[in-house]
Amino acid sequence: MPDLSQPQSQTDPDRADTGPGRAPEGPDRERSLTAKVCTIRDVLEDARLAIPAYQRPYRWDARNALQLVEDVERFRSENPYRIGTFIVHDNADRDSLDLVDGQQRYLTSFLVVHALSTFADRDGSPQSDLHALVERASIPKRHDGQTDDRLRVNASALSRLFATWTVDRREKFTDFFLTRCHIVQVTVHELDGAFQMFDSQNTRGRPLFPTDLLKAYHLREMARDEADRSTILRVVRDWEQIEPRQLDHVISKVVYPIRRWTRQESLPTQGLTNQDVDEFKGIRSSALHEPQARWSHPLLMAHAFVEAYRRDNETLIHHRVLPELEFPFQLTQPVLDGEMFFRMVLHYVALTERLGGSVPEPSGEVEDTRAVHPDLAERIGAFDAATRGTGDRYVRHLFDCLLLAYADRFGETELDRASELLAGWALALRLALSRVQLPSVNSYALGQHNLHNRAHGDPHRNLFVEIASARDARGLLNRIVPPRVPDESGSGRFRQFKALLPATEPSATSQTDPEGRADA
């Protein structure tokens, strides 16, 4: 194994780039991995290296690309300088080395060499084959709406940077970058080995999202079930169409809290972390034949029925003679491993968007393309406009969770009325406290906040539990009375959220909650 102690680039690490595969059995696993140190020139000259179709789009921006160059310049005294690690799958079927992890650095390294090649003729560079090196590199055509634009923008930024350098500086950088910048290339002969490496890899900088680990795990479960390649590629492509921060937001900030609060469990201070991903690992298909897993059989039978219906009626469904039948996901049910996990996540991402769920912060990282239900558009727009500080966002997440829990249970029945009452319920906490933090949101969601005492004399009223156990939407809504808060209609907080409060919001004569001063 090569020495991995060399300093590394400080640019953002590659995101999770994983794909389909099966695990080798027995002693073959030990022989399924090899590692070697390559120069950037070696990597770009390797005609077998390929970026597979299941990879996510190229996401590095100009800042990341320029940072890579800055890192190389800063550490040029380190000889050699290790840029990072590539994990490749030796795909015997296609006689290619599929880049599983490292796409961002590979493409950015190509752009650096491409930009330097434009100066080679003018400078009389000793690296006379830069043009040929660019031509040999494996840069596939992508139609994801992002990769091509990012490549063009980053190439332009790099060219502008190198244009400001002297000829001598460009020549020295070119020689060092091609011959003294190293990549540790780990070749895995079975893709399951790549999954294992990805799960355990300790990357620096921005941490992996829990959803990245879950993606790798459930792809591995699909391989275990011997899913066909076309199904795996479709699942990966659908997943990659969604911004990683949005995926993580829906699972970590909405679905995970609902599941915890519905079980009357406190939400951990850090939320969903990489140590908590077992929450979304559940039932394998083989459990149908295990007597001790009888609790899982209804879900597996429902899945089998839906799949049989779709398979047997594919033509009629395609021509809309018969309706499509979707699996009846429920937030509180166990997760089905493999393909059904991906379908579940996509289902709740779409439903959260339909309900106008908030986008991750900072808002500039995710374009707001929500197609909000028309009955909710006005209220969601008012909520978006009124949400300013961190405390407001905490309360907004609480509202998102309540509304998703309701729609998951009752669909779009009286959705406008439900959103009004649930907004009033969530905002009661914001109006009562001068500063809202996560512990207060957590205790309020669990029915353990003293605002509940004031309104109902019941310190254990958990609205998530009530929603999950209710059988009638109208009966549930008739029982939702937002906790009363002091009448401070002239205060800034009341003016900020006035448009969102229920029309019949009662005022109260009680004194301001002492936590309004203490919850800091």
Foldseek 3Di string as FASTA:
>chain_A
DDDPPFDEQPFDFWAQQAFAWAADDDPVNVVQKDKDKDALLRQLQPLQEEADPLGFAQDDALVRLVSLLVRCVVVVVPFQHEHEEWEWECPPVVRHTHTRGDVNVNLSLLLLLVLLVVCCVVLVAPPVCSVVSNVSGHDDDDDLVPRVVRSVRNSVSSNVVVVPDDSVVSNVSVCSRRPRYMYIYMYGHTRLSVLVCVLPPDDDDDDHQLVSNQLSQQSNLCVVVVPDRVLRSVLSVVVSSDDPQLLSCLVFLALQVLQQLLVLHFADPVTDDNVNSVQQDFDRLVCCVPPVSVVCNVLSVLVVVLVVVCVVCVPCCVVPVDPRDDRLDASNDHHYGHSRSSVVSVVSSLVLLQCLQDGDPPPVVDDNPRPYPPLRVVLSVLLVQLQDDPQSVLLSSQLSNQLSLLCSQVNCVVSNLSSLLSNQQSCLVVVLALGDDSVVSRLSQQQQDCLCCQAPVDSGDHLSNVSVPDDDSVVSSVPRDHREAAPPCVDPSCVSCVVRHPPPRDHDDDDRDPNNVVVD
